[in-house]
C-alpha atoms as a PDB file:
ATOM      1  CA  MET A   1      -3.080  -1.231  -2.351  1.00  0.00           C
ATOM      2  CA  VAL A   2       0.352  -2.517  -3.309  1.00  0.00           C
ATOM      3  CA  ASP A   3       3.038  -3.904  -1.024  1.00  0.00           C
ATOM      4  CA  GLY A   4       5.863  -1.488  -1.828  1.00  0.00           C
ATOM      5  CA  THR A   5       8.675  -3.639  -0.429  1.00  0.00           C
ATOM      6  CA  GLY A   6      10.638  -6.274  -2.340  1.00  0.00           C
ATOM      7  CA  LEU A   7       9.194  -7.130  -5.743  1.00  0.00           C
ATOM      8  CA  GLY A   8       6.293  -4.747  -5.179  1.00  0.00           C
ATOM      9  CA  ALA A   9       8.604  -1.718  -5.411  1.00  0.00           C
ATOM     10  CA  GLY A  10       8.788  -2.122  -9.188  1.00  0.00           C
ATOM     11  CA  VAL A  11       5.009  -2.401  -9.399  1.00  0.00           C
ATOM     12  CA  VAL A  12       4.630   0.835  -7.409  1.00  0.00           C
ATOM     13  CA  ASP A  13       7.089   2.615  -9.699  1.00  0.00           C
ATOM     14  CA  HIS A  14       5.230   1.394 -12.794  1.00  0.00           C
ATOM     15  CA  ILE A  15       1.854   2.517 -11.438  1.00  0.00           C
ATOM     16  CA  LYS A  16       3.244   5.957 -10.602  1.00  0.00           C
ATOM     17  CA  HIS A  17       4.867   6.187 -14.051  1.00  0.00           C
ATOM     18  CA  ARG A  18       1.451   5.523 -15.609  1.00  0.00           C
ATOM     19  CA  ASN A  19       0.020   8.465 -13.605  1.00  0.00           C
ATOM     20  CA  TYR A  20      -2.155   6.345 -11.322  1.00  0.00           C
ATOM     21  CA  GLY A  21      -0.259   7.518  -8.242  1.00  0.00           C
ATOM     22  CA  LYS A  22      -3.215   9.515  -6.862  1.00  0.00           C
ATOM     23  CA  THR A  23      -5.237   6.358  -6.278  1.00  0.00           C
ATOM     24  CA  LEU A  24      -2.293   4.187  -5.215  1.00  0.00           C
ATOM     25  CA  HIS A  25      -1.819   3.194  -1.598  1.00  0.00           C
ATOM     26  CA  GLU A  26       1.712   1.906  -1.108  1.00  0.00           C
ATOM     27  CA  PHE A  27       2.018  -0.423   1.864  1.00  0.00           C
ATOM     28  CA  ASN A  28       5.230  -0.752   3.848  1.00  0.00           C
ATOM     29  CA  GLY A  29       4.808  -3.114   6.774  1.00  0.00           C
ATOM     30  CA  GLY A  30       8.009  -1.985   8.466  1.00  0.00           C
ATOM     31  CA  VAL A  31       6.914   1.586   9.163  1.00  0.00           C
ATOM     32  CA  ASN A  32       5.620   2.649  12.566  1.00  0.00           C
ATOM     33  CA  ALA A  33       2.110   1.600  13.450  1.00  0.00           C
ATOM     34  CA  HIS A  34      -0.584   4.207  13.993  1.00  0.00           C
ATOM     35  CA  ASP A  35      -1.130   2.692  17.431  1.00  0.00           C
ATOM     36  CA  CYS A  36       2.546   2.352  18.401  1.00  0.00           C
ATOM     37  CA  ALA A  37       1.631   1.672  22.042  1.00  0.00           C
ATOM     38  CA  GLN A  38       0.102  -1.668  21.037  1.00  0.00           C
ATOM     39  CA  TYR A  39       1.795  -2.718  17.776  1.00  0.00           C
ATOM     40  CA  PHE A  40       5.478  -2.913  16.833  1.00  0.00           C
ATOM     41  CA  ASN A  41       4.964  -1.952  13.172  1.00  0.00           C
ATOM     42  CA  LYS A  42       2.310  -1.446  10.494  1.00  0.00           C
ATOM     43  CA  ARG A  43       2.283  -5.125   9.509  1.00  0.00           C
ATOM     44  CA  ALA A  44       1.490  -6.225  13.066  1.00  0.00           C
ATOM     45  CA  GLU A  45      -1.152  -3.502  13.366  1.00  0.00           C
ATOM     46  CA  CYS A  46      -2.912  -4.567  10.162  1.00  0.00           C
ATOM     47  CA  TRP A  47      -2.932  -8.193  11.291  1.00  0.00           C
ATOM     48  CA  GLY A  48      -4.309  -7.086  14.665  1.00  0.00           C
ATOM     49  CA  LEU A  49      -7.070  -5.042  13.039  1.00  0.00           C
ATOM     50  CA  MET A  50      -7.888  -7.983  10.780  1.00  0.00           C
ATOM     51  CA  ARG A  51      -8.017 -10.307  13.814  1.00  0.00           C
ATOM     52  CA  ASP A  52     -10.474  -7.955  15.538  1.00  0.00           C
ATOM     53  CA  TRP A  53     -12.621  -7.816  12.382  1.00  0.00           C
ATOM     54  CA  LEU A  54     -12.657 -11.598  12.074  1.00  0.00           C
ATOM     55  CA  LYS A  55     -13.592 -11.999  15.756  1.00  0.00           C
ATOM     56  CA  SER A  56     -16.399  -9.415  15.463  1.00  0.00           C
ATOM     57  CA  GLY A  57     -18.507 -11.739  13.328  1.00  0.00           C
ATOM     58  CA  ALA A  58     -18.939  -9.116  10.606  1.00  0.00           C
ATOM     59  CA  ALA A  59     -16.430 -10.847   8.334  1.00  0.00           C
ATOM     60  CA  GLU A  60     -17.490 -12.816   5.297  1.00  0.00           C
ATOM     61  CA  ILE A  61     -14.480 -14.543   3.781  1.00  0.00           C
ATOM     62  CA  PRO A  62     -14.307 -17.453   1.341  1.00  0.00           C
ATOM     63  CA  ASP A  63     -13.952 -21.005   2.592  1.00  0.00           C
ATOM     64  CA  ASP A  64     -10.420 -21.328   1.199  1.00  0.00           C
ATOM     65  CA  ALA A  65      -7.899 -23.766   2.675  1.00  0.00           C
ATOM     66  CA  GLU A  66      -4.877 -21.679   1.608  1.00  0.00           C
ATOM     67  CA  LEU A  67      -6.297 -18.520   3.173  1.00  0.00           C
ATOM     68  CA  ALA A  68      -7.140 -20.421   6.366  1.00  0.00           C
ATOM     69  CA  THR A  69      -3.554 -21.711   6.551  1.00  0.00           C
ATOM     70  CA  ASP A  70      -2.144 -18.238   5.908  1.00  0.00           C
ATOM     71  CA  LEU A  71      -4.292 -16.708   8.635  1.00  0.00           C
ATOM     72  CA  THR A  72      -3.253 -19.253  11.252  1.00  0.00           C
ATOM     73  CA  THR A  73       0.448 -19.801  10.429  1.00  0.00           C
ATOM     74  CA  PRO A  74       2.213 -16.630  11.659  1.00  0.00           C
ATOM     75  CA  GLY A  75       2.807 -16.440  15.368  1.00  0.00           C
ATOM     76  CA  TYR A  76       3.389 -13.345  17.450  1.00  0.00           C
ATOM     77  CA  GLU A  77       5.156 -12.227  20.575  1.00  0.00           C
ATOM     78  CA  THR A  78       5.657  -9.077  22.554  1.00  0.00           C
ATOM     79  CA  ALA A  79       8.673  -6.956  21.745  1.00  0.00           C
ATOM     80  CA  HIS A  80      11.316  -6.105  24.323  1.00  0.00           C
ATOM     81  CA  GLY A  81      13.374  -2.968  24.570  1.00  0.00           C
ATOM     82  CA  LYS A  82      12.979   0.646  25.553  1.00  0.00           C
ATOM     83  CA  ARG A  83      10.919   2.006  22.692  1.00  0.00           C
ATOM     84  CA  PHE A  84       8.656  -0.919  21.794  1.00  0.00           C
ATOM     85  CA  ASP A  85       8.477  -2.834  25.070  1.00  0.00           C
ATOM     86  CA  GLY A  86       5.255  -4.803  25.316  1.00  0.00           C
ATOM     87  CA  THR A  87       4.067  -4.155  21.756  1.00  0.00           C
ATOM     88  CA  ILE A  88       2.835  -6.980  19.555  1.00  0.00           C
ATOM     89  CA  ILE A  89       5.281  -8.118  16.895  1.00  0.00           C
ATOM     90  CA  LEU A  90       4.281 -10.587  14.188  1.00  0.00           C
ATOM     91  CA  GLU A  91       6.554 -13.507  13.336  1.00  0.00           C
ATOM     92  CA  SER A  92       8.923 -12.528  10.522  1.00  0.00           C
ATOM     93  CA  LYS A  93       8.832 -14.266   7.159  1.00  0.00           C
ATOM     94  CA  ASP A  94      12.423 -15.405   7.711  1.00  0.00           C
ATOM     95  CA  ASP A  95      11.341 -17.125  10.938  1.00  0.00           C
ATOM     96  CA  LEU A  96       8.400 -18.717   9.107  1.00  0.00           C
ATOM     97  CA  ARG A  97      10.767 -20.103   6.452  1.00  0.00           C
ATOM     98  CA  ALA A  98      13.084 -21.411   9.186  1.00  0.00           C
ATOM     99  CA  ARG A  99      10.082 -23.355  10.563  1.00  0.00           C
ATOM    100  CA  GLY A 100       9.427 -24.745   7.075  1.00  0.00           C
ATOM    101  CA  GLU A 101       6.342 -22.598   6.495  1.00  0.00           C
ATOM    102  CA  ALA A 102       5.555 -20.633   3.348  1.00  0.00           C
ATOM    103  CA  SER A 103       5.025 -16.888   3.285  1.00  0.00           C
ATOM    104  CA  PRO A 104       1.385 -16.088   4.167  1.00  0.00           C
ATOM    105  CA  ASP A 105       0.750 -14.173   0.939  1.00  0.00           C
ATOM    106  CA  ASP A 106      -3.056 -14.376   1.000  1.00  0.00           C
ATOM    107  CA  GLY A 107      -3.147 -13.509   4.695  1.00  0.00           C
ATOM    108  CA  ASP A 108      -0.847 -10.528   4.147  1.00  0.00           C
ATOM    109  CA  THR A 109      -3.004  -9.362   1.249  1.00  0.00           C
ATOM    110  CA  LEU A 110      -6.144  -9.446   3.377  1.00  0.00           C
ATOM    111  CA  ALA A 111      -4.341  -7.736   6.267  1.00  0.00           C
ATOM    112  CA  MET A 112      -3.088  -4.938   3.985  1.00  0.00           C
ATOM    113  CA  THR A 113      -6.680  -3.933   3.323  1.00  0.00           C
ATOM    114  CA  PHE A 114      -6.768  -2.632   6.902  1.00  0.00           C
ATOM    115  CA  ALA A 115      -3.877  -0.222   6.299  1.00  0.00           C
ATOM    116  CA  VAL A 116      -6.080   2.512   4.837  1.00  0.00           C
ATOM    117  CA  LYS A 117      -9.265   3.884   6.312  1.00  0.00           C
ATOM    118  CA  VAL A 118     -11.849   4.139   3.553  1.00  0.00           C
ATOM    119  CA  ALA A 119     -14.933   6.291   3.935  1.00  0.00           C
ATOM    120  CA  ALA A 120     -17.827   6.644   1.539  1.00  0.00           C
ATOM    121  CA  LYS A 121     -17.786   9.790  -0.552  1.00  0.00           C
ATOM    122  CA  THR A 122     -20.346  12.357   0.467  1.00  0.00           C
ATOM    123  CA  ARG A 123     -22.474  13.873  -2.231  1.00  0.00           C
ATOM    124  CA  PRO A 124     -23.590  17.490  -2.127  1.00  0.00           C
ATOM    125  CA  ALA A 125     -27.255  17.952  -1.350  1.00  0.00           C
ATOM    126  CA  PHE A 126     -29.450  18.666  -4.380  1.00  0.00           C
ATOM    127  CA  ASP A 127     -31.795  21.568  -3.755  1.00  0.00           C
ATOM    128  CA  GLY A 128     -34.137  20.757  -6.646  1.00  0.00           C
ATOM    129  CA  GLY A 129     -33.118  23.793  -8.705  1.00  0.00           C
ATOM    130  CA  TYR A 130     -31.027  24.076 -11.810  1.00  0.00           C
ATOM    131  CA  ARG A 131     -28.502  26.645 -10.638  1.00  0.00           C
ATOM    132  CA  GLY A 132     -26.230  24.078  -9.043  1.00  0.00           C
ATOM    133  CA  LEU A 133     -26.055  21.837 -12.104  1.00  0.00           C
ATOM    134  CA  TYR A 134     -23.751  24.049 -14.155  1.00  0.00           C
ATOM    135  CA  ARG A 135     -21.147  26.340 -12.733  1.00  0.00           C
ATOM    136  CA  GLY A 136     -19.624  28.253 -15.582  1.00  0.00           C
ATOM    137  CA  PRO A 137     -19.857  31.507 -17.484  1.00  0.00           C
ATOM    138  CA  LEU A 138     -23.281  30.657 -18.932  1.00  0.00           C
ATOM    139  CA  ALA A 139     -24.875  30.301 -15.523  1.00  0.00           C
ATOM    140  CA  GLU A 140     -23.052  33.220 -13.931  1.00  0.00           C
ATOM    141  CA  ASN A 141     -23.444  36.054 -16.447  1.00  0.00           C
ATOM    142  CA  GLY A 142     -26.562  34.974 -18.339  1.00  0.00           C
ATOM    143  CA  ARG A 143     -25.044  35.055 -21.845  1.00  0.00           C
ATOM    144  CA  ASN A 144     -26.150  32.416 -24.350  1.00  0.00           C
ATOM    145  CA  ARG A 145     -28.873  31.040 -22.121  1.00  0.00           C
ATOM    146  CA  GLN A 146     -30.957  30.227 -25.210  1.00  0.00           C
ATOM    147  CA  HIS A 147     -28.514  27.346 -25.808  1.00  0.00           C
ATOM    148  CA  TRP A 148     -29.106  26.070 -22.295  1.00  0.00           C
ATOM    149  CA  PRO A 149     -32.880  26.101 -21.777  1.00  0.00           C
ATOM    150  CA  MET A 150     -32.660  24.373 -18.412  1.00  0.00           C
ATOM    151  CA  LEU A 151     -30.418  27.194 -17.198  1.00  0.00           C
ATOM    152  CA  ALA A 152     -32.855  29.799 -18.464  1.00  0.00           C
ATOM    153  CA  ARG A 153     -35.693  28.083 -16.577  1.00  0.00           C
ATOM    154  CA  GLY A 154     -33.741  27.815 -13.359  1.00  0.00           C
ATOM    155  CA  ALA A 155     -32.316  31.322 -13.360  1.00  0.00           C
END
């Protein structure tokens, strides 16, 4: 997960150039939230999901003063206007700086982890036989099975 805005844009480009783009998740907090009825943008949604996770009691985070400050510094309000009326909007970093607060980098990093739903990979069921171990010409047409004794047994 890389924040693709600002300085992170160059990091994203470098990762893609190195052919790691398939595993890259580029985060852009300004895009529309998945739940646009509740959140103004993706950044607010990720912070909201993180808040819910922290309140659930399932969270185990380090006892770190900087992280604690980052998690409690940004404020929020409800947006006004036709399209986003009543949605939650997180305090902007410009507004934080105007209040004399630093950017909540650690808090943003933790919140970004909620941008992508991650599910465990499912493994195919093993039936106990040898046919499913090798799927190639040796297993399909029977040639050269003497070089693959486990295929000859399972066939």
